[in-house]
Amino acid sequence: MKEYNIEELISNLDFEKNKLHKTKHNLFLTTYEIEVLTKYHIIYDKYQTAKEILQEIENKIMDLEQEEQEELDQVGMTIAERDYYQNTRK
């Protein structure tokens, strides 16, 4: 059985990356999502809905290299998933 160094594993966890932050219009984005959106010059604070942010991602994604498209697409998927679970009546 393989042994793990628990202290080393814990020290490598990045809790800040997935911390949620509320935007000016009460949307929730993680630290990582904010970093990626900022990297691609998407001003997330001006949008009132997650769908507006997703539309801007779609507009930007076509002008990017494949690796950049994948990064921005992944962020878009996490935002869309959160929006679905927060705003869909169950």
PDB file of N, CA and C in Angstrom:
ATOM      1  N   MET A   1       0.835  -1.174   0.000  1.00  0.00           N
ATOM      2  CA  MET A   1       0.000   0.000   0.000  1.00  0.00           C
ATOM      3  C   MET A   1       0.888   1.250   0.000  1.00  0.00           C
ATOM      4  N   LYS A   2       0.543   2.188  -0.867  1.00  0.00           N
ATOM      5  CA  LYS A   2       1.334   3.403  -0.987  1.00  0.00           C
ATOM      6  C   LYS A   2       1.017   4.362   0.158  1.00  0.00           C
ATOM      7  N   GLU A   3       2.055   4.948   0.724  1.00  0.00           N
ATOM      8  CA  GLU A   3       1.871   5.922   1.795  1.00  0.00           C
ATOM      9  C   GLU A   3       1.972   7.333   1.221  1.00  0.00           C
ATOM     10  N   TYR A   4       1.173   8.225   1.776  1.00  0.00           N
ATOM     11  CA  TYR A   4       1.158   9.611   1.337  1.00  0.00           C
ATOM     12  C   TYR A   4       1.579  10.514   2.488  1.00  0.00           C
ATOM     13  N   ASN A   5       2.287  11.550   2.139  1.00  0.00           N
ATOM     14  CA  ASN A   5       2.658  12.560   3.119  1.00  0.00           C
ATOM     15  C   ASN A   5       1.523  13.589   3.149  1.00  0.00           C
ATOM     16  N   ILE A   6       0.660  13.456   4.146  1.00  0.00           N
ATOM     17  CA  ILE A   6      -0.535  14.300   4.236  1.00  0.00           C
ATOM     18  C   ILE A   6      -0.176  15.785   4.345  1.00  0.00           C
ATOM     19  N   GLU A   7       0.824  16.096   5.130  1.00  0.00           N
ATOM     20  CA  GLU A   7       1.216  17.503   5.291  1.00  0.00           C
ATOM     21  C   GLU A   7       1.679  18.099   3.961  1.00  0.00           C
ATOM     22  N   GLU A   8       2.399  17.324   3.177  1.00  0.00           N
ATOM     23  CA  GLU A   8       2.854  17.809   1.870  1.00  0.00           C
ATOM     24  C   GLU A   8       1.667  18.005   0.925  1.00  0.00           C
ATOM     25  N   LEU A   9       0.729  17.072   0.926  1.00  0.00           N
ATOM     26  CA  LEU A   9      -0.453  17.196   0.076  1.00  0.00           C
ATOM     27  C   LEU A   9      -1.280  18.426   0.452  1.00  0.00           C
ATOM     28  N   ILE A  10      -1.463  18.637   1.733  1.00  0.00           N
ATOM     29  CA  ILE A  10      -2.237  19.788   2.196  1.00  0.00           C
ATOM     30  C   ILE A  10      -1.538  21.096   1.848  1.00  0.00           C
ATOM     31  N   SER A  11      -0.232  21.122   1.969  1.00  0.00           N
ATOM     32  CA  SER A  11       0.498  22.357   1.681  1.00  0.00           C
ATOM     33  C   SER A  11       0.454  22.715   0.196  1.00  0.00           C
ATOM     34  N   ASN A  12       0.161  21.738  -0.665  1.00  0.00           N
ATOM     35  CA  ASN A  12       0.097  21.989  -2.099  1.00  0.00           C
ATOM     36  C   ASN A  12      -1.298  22.382  -2.581  1.00  0.00           C
ATOM     37  N   LEU A  13      -2.295  22.323  -1.700  1.00  0.00           N
ATOM     38  CA  LEU A  13      -3.648  22.699  -2.088  1.00  0.00           C
ATOM     39  C   LEU A  13      -3.764  24.215  -2.220  1.00  0.00           C
ATOM     40  N   ASP A  14      -4.459  24.658  -3.255  1.00  0.00           N
ATOM     41  CA  ASP A  14      -4.664  26.083  -3.476  1.00  0.00           C
ATOM     42  C   ASP A  14      -6.132  26.407  -3.205  1.00  0.00           C
ATOM     43  N   PHE A  15      -6.431  26.802  -1.979  1.00  0.00           N
ATOM     44  CA  PHE A  15      -7.804  27.102  -1.596  1.00  0.00           C
ATOM     45  C   PHE A  15      -8.277  28.422  -2.198  1.00  0.00           C
ATOM     46  N   GLU A  16      -7.383  29.335  -2.426  1.00  0.00           N
ATOM     47  CA  GLU A  16      -7.741  30.659  -2.944  1.00  0.00           C
ATOM     48  C   GLU A  16      -8.267  30.584  -4.378  1.00  0.00           C
ATOM     49  N   LYS A  17      -7.760  29.679  -5.162  1.00  0.00           N
ATOM     50  CA  LYS A  17      -8.128  29.553  -6.576  1.00  0.00           C
ATOM     51  C   LYS A  17      -9.631  29.353  -6.767  1.00  0.00           C
ATOM     52  N   ASN A  18     -10.255  28.603  -5.872  1.00  0.00           N
ATOM     53  CA  ASN A  18     -11.682  28.293  -6.002  1.00  0.00           C
ATOM     54  C   ASN A  18     -12.572  29.108  -5.078  1.00  0.00           C
ATOM     55  N   LYS A  19     -12.002  30.111  -4.450  1.00  0.00           N
ATOM     56  CA  LYS A  19     -12.783  30.974  -3.566  1.00  0.00           C
ATOM     57  C   LYS A  19     -13.737  31.819  -4.417  1.00  0.00           C
ATOM     58  N   LEU A  20     -14.994  31.886  -3.989  1.00  0.00           N
ATOM     59  CA  LEU A  20     -15.982  32.656  -4.733  1.00  0.00           C
ATOM     60  C   LEU A  20     -15.958  34.119  -4.307  1.00  0.00           C
ATOM     61  N   HIS A  21     -16.115  34.996  -5.296  1.00  0.00           N
ATOM     62  CA  HIS A  21     -16.180  36.433  -5.071  1.00  0.00           C
ATOM     63  C   HIS A  21     -17.464  36.951  -5.719  1.00  0.00           C
ATOM     64  N   LYS A  22     -18.117  37.890  -5.069  1.00  0.00           N
ATOM     65  CA  LYS A  22     -19.330  38.477  -5.618  1.00  0.00           C
ATOM     66  C   LYS A  22     -18.959  39.691  -6.462  1.00  0.00           C
ATOM     67  N   THR A  23     -19.502  39.762  -7.666  1.00  0.00           N
ATOM     68  CA  THR A  23     -19.235  40.895  -8.547  1.00  0.00           C
ATOM     69  C   THR A  23     -20.172  42.048  -8.201  1.00  0.00           C
ATOM     70  N   LYS A  24     -19.970  43.145  -8.889  1.00  0.00           N
ATOM     71  CA  LYS A  24     -20.768  44.350  -8.691  1.00  0.00           C
ATOM     72  C   LYS A  24     -22.271  44.082  -8.888  1.00  0.00           C
ATOM     73  N   HIS A  25     -22.607  43.147  -9.771  1.00  0.00           N
ATOM     74  CA  HIS A  25     -24.003  42.824 -10.070  1.00  0.00           C
ATOM     75  C   HIS A  25     -24.431  41.496  -9.455  1.00  0.00           C
ATOM     76  N   ASN A  26     -23.782  41.122  -8.354  1.00  0.00           N
ATOM     77  CA  ASN A  26     -24.148  39.948  -7.559  1.00  0.00           C
ATOM     78  C   ASN A  26     -23.999  38.602  -8.278  1.00  0.00           C
ATOM     79  N   LEU A  27     -23.045  38.514  -9.173  1.00  0.00           N
ATOM     80  CA  LEU A  27     -22.683  37.230  -9.762  1.00  0.00           C
ATOM     81  C   LEU A  27     -21.532  36.663  -8.946  1.00  0.00           C
ATOM     82  N   PHE A  28     -21.394  35.362  -8.943  1.00  0.00           N
ATOM     83  CA  PHE A  28     -20.304  34.737  -8.217  1.00  0.00           C
ATOM     84  C   PHE A  28     -19.309  34.127  -9.190  1.00  0.00           C
ATOM     85  N   LEU A  29     -18.043  34.510  -9.034  1.00  0.00           N
ATOM     86  CA  LEU A  29     -16.954  33.986  -9.853  1.00  0.00           C
ATOM     87  C   LEU A  29     -15.823  33.573  -8.924  1.00  0.00           C
ATOM     88  N   THR A  30     -15.094  32.533  -9.325  1.00  0.00           N
ATOM     89  CA  THR A  30     -13.940  32.123  -8.524  1.00  0.00           C
ATOM     90  C   THR A  30     -12.753  33.028  -8.836  1.00  0.00           C
ATOM     91  N   THR A  31     -11.772  32.979  -7.967  1.00  0.00           N
ATOM     92  CA  THR A  31     -10.541  33.739  -8.182  1.00  0.00           C
ATOM     93  C   THR A  31      -9.931  33.374  -9.529  1.00  0.00           C
ATOM     94  N   TYR A  32      -9.904  32.078  -9.830  1.00  0.00           N
ATOM     95  CA  TYR A  32      -9.326  31.617 -11.094  1.00  0.00           C
ATOM     96  C   TYR A  32     -10.118  32.151 -12.287  1.00  0.00           C
ATOM     97  N   GLU A  33     -11.446  32.095 -12.227  1.00  0.00           N
ATOM     98  CA  GLU A  33     -12.261  32.599 -13.334  1.00  0.00           C
ATOM     99  C   GLU A  33     -12.004  34.083 -13.561  1.00  0.00           C
ATOM    100  N   ILE A  34     -11.907  34.830 -12.478  1.00  0.00           N
ATOM    101  CA  ILE A  34     -11.629  36.268 -12.580  1.00  0.00           C
ATOM    102  C   ILE A  34     -10.271  36.505 -13.235  1.00  0.00           C
ATOM    103  N   GLU A  35      -9.266  35.727 -12.848  1.00  0.00           N
ATOM    104  CA  GLU A  35      -7.936  35.863 -13.445  1.00  0.00           C
ATOM    105  C   GLU A  35      -7.967  35.593 -14.942  1.00  0.00           C
ATOM    106  N   VAL A  36      -8.664  34.544 -15.353  1.00  0.00           N
ATOM    107  CA  VAL A  36      -8.714  34.197 -16.782  1.00  0.00           C
ATOM    108  C   VAL A  36      -9.510  35.241 -17.555  1.00  0.00           C
ATOM    109  N   LEU A  37     -10.644  35.660 -17.034  1.00  0.00           N
ATOM    110  CA  LEU A  37     -11.432  36.690 -17.722  1.00  0.00           C
ATOM    111  C   LEU A  37     -10.629  37.976 -17.877  1.00  0.00           C
ATOM    112  N   THR A  38      -9.918  38.359 -16.849  1.00  0.00           N
ATOM    113  CA  THR A  38      -9.081  39.561 -16.902  1.00  0.00           C
ATOM    114  C   THR A  38      -7.968  39.393 -17.930  1.00  0.00           C
ATOM    115  N   LYS A  39      -7.377  38.214 -17.972  1.00  0.00           N
ATOM    116  CA  LYS A  39      -6.307  37.921 -18.934  1.00  0.00           C
ATOM    117  C   LYS A  39      -6.762  38.159 -20.371  1.00  0.00           C
ATOM    118  N   TYR A  40      -8.031  37.847 -20.653  1.00  0.00           N
ATOM    119  CA  TYR A  40      -8.559  38.006 -22.006  1.00  0.00           C
ATOM    120  C   TYR A  40      -9.394  39.279 -22.162  1.00  0.00           C
ATOM    121  N   HIS A  41      -9.178  40.222 -21.254  1.00  0.00           N
ATOM    122  CA  HIS A  41      -9.784  41.550 -21.325  1.00  0.00           C
ATOM    123  C   HIS A  41     -11.310  41.509 -21.322  1.00  0.00           C
ATOM    124  N   ILE A  42     -11.861  40.605 -20.524  1.00  0.00           N
ATOM    125  CA  ILE A  42     -13.310  40.539 -20.342  1.00  0.00           C
ATOM    126  C   ILE A  42     -13.604  41.194 -18.994  1.00  0.00           C
ATOM    127  N   ILE A  43     -14.285  42.319 -19.049  1.00  0.00           N
ATOM    128  CA  ILE A  43     -14.562  43.100 -17.844  1.00  0.00           C
ATOM    129  C   ILE A  43     -15.841  42.539 -17.210  1.00  0.00           C
ATOM    130  N   TYR A  44     -15.673  41.558 -16.358  1.00  0.00           N
ATOM    131  CA  TYR A  44     -16.782  40.812 -15.774  1.00  0.00           C
ATOM    132  C   TYR A  44     -17.707  41.674 -14.927  1.00  0.00           C
ATOM    133  N   ASP A  45     -17.217  42.757 -14.355  1.00  0.00           N
ATOM    134  CA  ASP A  45     -18.033  43.597 -13.472  1.00  0.00           C
ATOM    135  C   ASP A  45     -19.091  44.403 -14.224  1.00  0.00           C
ATOM    136  N   LYS A  46     -18.987  44.501 -15.518  1.00  0.00           N
ATOM    137  CA  LYS A  46     -19.985  45.291 -16.251  1.00  0.00           C
ATOM    138  C   LYS A  46     -21.205  44.460 -16.660  1.00  0.00           C
ATOM    139  N   TYR A  47     -21.133  43.145 -16.485  1.00  0.00           N
ATOM    140  CA  TYR A  47     -22.235  42.271 -16.898  1.00  0.00           C
ATOM    141  C   TYR A  47     -23.176  41.995 -15.740  1.00  0.00           C
ATOM    142  N   GLN A  48     -24.466  41.978 -16.045  1.00  0.00           N
ATOM    143  CA  GLN A  48     -25.469  41.765 -15.015  1.00  0.00           C
ATOM    144  C   GLN A  48     -25.880  40.300 -14.871  1.00  0.00           C
ATOM    145  N   THR A  49     -25.596  39.490 -15.881  1.00  0.00           N
ATOM    146  CA  THR A  49     -25.947  38.072 -15.807  1.00  0.00           C
ATOM    147  C   THR A  49     -24.765  37.223 -16.271  1.00  0.00           C
ATOM    148  N   ALA A  50     -24.786  35.985 -15.834  1.00  0.00           N
ATOM    149  CA  ALA A  50     -23.748  35.044 -16.273  1.00  0.00           C
ATOM    150  C   ALA A  50     -23.858  34.809 -17.773  1.00  0.00           C
ATOM    151  N   LYS A  51     -25.068  34.836 -18.294  1.00  0.00           N
ATOM    152  CA  LYS A  51     -25.266  34.619 -19.730  1.00  0.00           C
ATOM    153  C   LYS A  51     -24.583  35.716 -20.558  1.00  0.00           C
ATOM    154  N   GLU A  52     -24.551  36.939 -20.046  1.00  0.00           N
ATOM    155  CA  GLU A  52     -23.857  38.021 -20.736  1.00  0.00           C
ATOM    156  C   GLU A  52     -22.347  37.770 -20.758  1.00  0.00           C
ATOM    157  N   ILE A  53     -21.820  37.272 -19.653  1.00  0.00           N
ATOM    158  CA  ILE A  53     -20.389  36.934 -19.605  1.00  0.00           C
ATOM    159  C   ILE A  53     -20.107  35.799 -20.588  1.00  0.00           C
ATOM    160  N   LEU A  54     -20.974  34.798 -20.616  1.00  0.00           N
ATOM    161  CA  LEU A  54     -20.791  33.672 -21.535  1.00  0.00           C
ATOM    162  C   LEU A  54     -20.831  34.127 -22.993  1.00  0.00           C
ATOM    163  N   GLN A  55     -21.704  35.083 -23.299  1.00  0.00           N
ATOM    164  CA  GLN A  55     -21.774  35.624 -24.658  1.00  0.00           C
ATOM    165  C   GLN A  55     -20.465  36.328 -25.028  1.00  0.00           C
ATOM    166  N   GLU A  56     -19.907  37.083 -24.091  1.00  0.00           N
ATOM    167  CA  GLU A  56     -18.635  37.769 -24.345  1.00  0.00           C
ATOM    168  C   GLU A  56     -17.510  36.752 -24.534  1.00  0.00           C
ATOM    169  N   ILE A  57     -17.530  35.677 -23.756  1.00  0.00           N
ATOM    170  CA  ILE A  57     -16.527  34.612 -23.934  1.00  0.00           C
ATOM    171  C   ILE A  57     -16.633  34.049 -25.350  1.00  0.00           C
ATOM    172  N   GLU A  58     -17.853  33.780 -25.804  1.00  0.00           N
ATOM    173  CA  GLU A  58     -18.045  33.251 -27.165  1.00  0.00           C
ATOM    174  C   GLU A  58     -17.534  34.227 -28.217  1.00  0.00           C
ATOM    175  N   ASN A  59     -17.730  35.512 -27.991  1.00  0.00           N
ATOM    176  CA  ASN A  59     -17.253  36.520 -28.943  1.00  0.00           C
ATOM    177  C   ASN A  59     -15.729  36.557 -29.006  1.00  0.00           C
ATOM    178  N   LYS A  60     -15.071  36.375 -27.883  1.00  0.00           N
ATOM    179  CA  LYS A  60     -13.602  36.462 -27.814  1.00  0.00           C
ATOM    180  C   LYS A  60     -12.910  35.185 -28.262  1.00  0.00           C
ATOM    181  N   ILE A  61     -13.541  34.061 -28.039  1.00  0.00           N
ATOM    182  CA  ILE A  61     -12.871  32.770 -28.164  1.00  0.00           C
ATOM    183  C   ILE A  61     -12.392  32.486 -29.595  1.00  0.00           C
ATOM    184  N   MET A  62     -13.100  32.977 -30.564  1.00  0.00           N
ATOM    185  CA  MET A  62     -12.757  32.681 -31.965  1.00  0.00           C
ATOM    186  C   MET A  62     -11.439  33.313 -32.408  1.00  0.00           C
ATOM    187  N   ASP A  63     -11.045  34.383 -31.737  1.00  0.00           N
ATOM    188  CA  ASP A  63      -9.827  35.092 -32.117  1.00  0.00           C
ATOM    189  C   ASP A  63      -8.581  34.585 -31.408  1.00  0.00           C
ATOM    190  N   LEU A  64      -8.709  33.494 -30.665  1.00  0.00           N
ATOM    191  CA  LEU A  64      -7.608  33.004 -29.838  1.00  0.00           C
ATOM    192  C   LEU A  64      -6.974  31.749 -30.419  1.00  0.00           C
ATOM    193  N   GLU A  65      -5.764  31.472 -29.952  1.00  0.00           N
ATOM    194  CA  GLU A  65      -5.078  30.226 -30.300  1.00  0.00           C
ATOM    195  C   GLU A  65      -5.779  29.061 -29.597  1.00  0.00           C
ATOM    196  N   GLN A  66      -5.544  27.848 -30.071  1.00  0.00           N
ATOM    197  CA  GLN A  66      -6.222  26.660 -29.550  1.00  0.00           C
ATOM    198  C   GLN A  66      -6.095  26.520 -28.027  1.00  0.00           C
ATOM    199  N   GLU A  67      -4.895  26.663 -27.502  1.00  0.00           N
ATOM    200  CA  GLU A  67      -4.673  26.516 -26.059  1.00  0.00           C
ATOM    201  C   GLU A  67      -5.436  27.580 -25.270  1.00  0.00           C
ATOM    202  N   GLU A  68      -5.443  28.796 -25.792  1.00  0.00           N
ATOM    203  CA  GLU A  68      -6.172  29.880 -25.135  1.00  0.00           C
ATOM    204  C   GLU A  68      -7.673  29.642 -25.200  1.00  0.00           C
ATOM    205  N   GLN A  69      -8.142  29.131 -26.351  1.00  0.00           N
ATOM    206  CA  GLN A  69      -9.560  28.805 -26.501  1.00  0.00           C
ATOM    207  C   GLN A  69      -9.990  27.786 -25.455  1.00  0.00           C
ATOM    208  N   GLU A  70      -9.166  26.783 -25.241  1.00  0.00           N
ATOM    209  CA  GLU A  70      -9.494  25.737 -24.272  1.00  0.00           C
ATOM    210  C   GLU A  70      -9.576  26.305 -22.858  1.00  0.00           C
ATOM    211  N   GLU A  71      -8.643  27.181 -22.515  1.00  0.00           N
ATOM    212  CA  GLU A  71      -8.641  27.784 -21.183  1.00  0.00           C
ATOM    213  C   GLU A  71      -9.905  28.612 -20.970  1.00  0.00           C
ATOM    214  N   LEU A  72     -10.236  29.459 -21.919  1.00  0.00           N
ATOM    215  CA  LEU A  72     -11.408  30.320 -21.800  1.00  0.00           C
ATOM    216  C   LEU A  72     -12.698  29.505 -21.880  1.00  0.00           C
ATOM    217  N   ASP A  73     -12.713  28.475 -22.711  1.00  0.00           N
ATOM    218  CA  ASP A  73     -13.880  27.602 -22.821  1.00  0.00           C
ATOM    219  C   ASP A  73     -14.139  26.878 -21.500  1.00  0.00           C
ATOM    220  N   GLN A  74     -13.091  26.423 -20.848  1.00  0.00           N
ATOM    221  CA  GLN A  74     -13.235  25.739 -19.562  1.00  0.00           C
ATOM    222  C   GLN A  74     -13.843  26.679 -18.516  1.00  0.00           C
ATOM    223  N   VAL A  75     -13.385  27.907 -18.498  1.00  0.00           N
ATOM    224  CA  VAL A  75     -13.952  28.894 -17.577  1.00  0.00           C
ATOM    225  C   VAL A  75     -15.427  29.130 -17.914  1.00  0.00           C
ATOM    226  N   GLY A  76     -15.732  29.229 -19.184  1.00  0.00           N
ATOM    227  CA  GLY A  76     -17.124  29.399 -19.610  1.00  0.00           C
ATOM    228  C   GLY A  76     -18.006  28.243 -19.157  1.00  0.00           C
ATOM    229  N   MET A  77     -17.489  27.037 -19.233  1.00  0.00           N
ATOM    230  CA  MET A  77     -18.266  25.870 -18.807  1.00  0.00           C
ATOM    231  C   MET A  77     -18.542  25.892 -17.304  1.00  0.00           C
ATOM    232  N   THR A  78     -17.557  26.311 -16.510  1.00  0.00           N
ATOM    233  CA  THR A  78     -17.783  26.353 -15.061  1.00  0.00           C
ATOM    234  C   THR A  78     -18.773  27.461 -14.694  1.00  0.00           C
ATOM    235  N   ILE A  79     -18.703  28.578 -15.396  1.00  0.00           N
ATOM    236  CA  ILE A  79     -19.661  29.664 -15.147  1.00  0.00           C
ATOM    237  C   ILE A  79     -21.065  29.216 -15.549  1.00  0.00           C
ATOM    238  N   ALA A  80     -21.186  28.559 -16.696  1.00  0.00           N
ATOM    239  CA  ALA A  80     -22.485  28.073 -17.166  1.00  0.00           C
ATOM    240  C   ALA A  80     -23.074  27.041 -16.205  1.00  0.00           C
ATOM    241  N   GLU A  81     -22.245  26.161 -15.701  1.00  0.00           N
ATOM    242  CA  GLU A  81     -22.715  25.140 -14.771  1.00  0.00           C
ATOM    243  C   GLU A  81     -23.218  25.785 -13.474  1.00  0.00           C
ATOM    244  N   ARG A  82     -22.466  26.728 -12.948  1.00  0.00           N
ATOM    245  CA  ARG A  82     -22.881  27.415 -11.724  1.00  0.00           C
ATOM    246  C   ARG A  82     -24.184  28.171 -11.970  1.00  0.00           C
ATOM    247  N   ASP A  83     -24.291  28.840 -13.102  1.00  0.00           N
ATOM    248  CA  ASP A  83     -25.503  29.580 -13.441  1.00  0.00           C
ATOM    249  C   ASP A  83     -26.697  28.634 -13.505  1.00  0.00           C
ATOM    250  N   TYR A  84     -26.516  27.478 -14.112  1.00  0.00           N
ATOM    251  CA  TYR A  84     -27.595  26.501 -14.222  1.00  0.00           C
ATOM    252  C   TYR A  84     -28.088  26.078 -12.841  1.00  0.00           C
ATOM    253  N   TYR A  85     -27.175  25.727 -11.961  1.00  0.00           N
ATOM    254  CA  TYR A  85     -27.565  25.245 -10.640  1.00  0.00           C
ATOM    255  C   TYR A  85     -28.125  26.343  -9.746  1.00  0.00           C
ATOM    256  N   GLN A  86     -27.708  27.575  -9.951  1.00  0.00           N
ATOM    257  CA  GLN A  86     -28.209  28.675  -9.139  1.00  0.00           C
ATOM    258  C   GLN A  86     -29.566  29.194  -9.628  1.00  0.00           C
ATOM    259  N   ASN A  87     -29.819  29.072 -10.930  1.00  0.00           N
ATOM    260  CA  ASN A  87     -30.988  29.742 -11.495  1.00  0.00           C
ATOM    261  C   ASN A  87     -32.038  28.813 -12.099  1.00  0.00           C
ATOM    262  N   THR A  88     -31.874  27.523 -11.950  1.00  0.00           N
ATOM    263  CA  THR A  88     -32.868  26.585 -12.475  1.00  0.00           C
ATOM    264  C   THR A  88     -33.771  26.146 -11.336  1.00  0.00           C
ATOM    265  N   ARG A  89     -35.058  26.263 -11.579  1.00  0.00           N
ATOM    266  CA  ARG A  89     -36.025  25.821 -10.560  1.00  0.00           C
ATOM    267  C   ARG A  89     -36.053  24.310 -10.520  1.00  0.00           C
ATOM    268  N   LYS A  90     -36.073  23.802  -9.328  1.00  0.00           N
ATOM    269  CA  LYS A  90     -36.042  22.348  -9.163  1.00  0.00           C
ATOM    270  C   LYS A  90     -37.334  21.847  -8.581  1.00  0.00           C
TER     271      LYS A  90
END
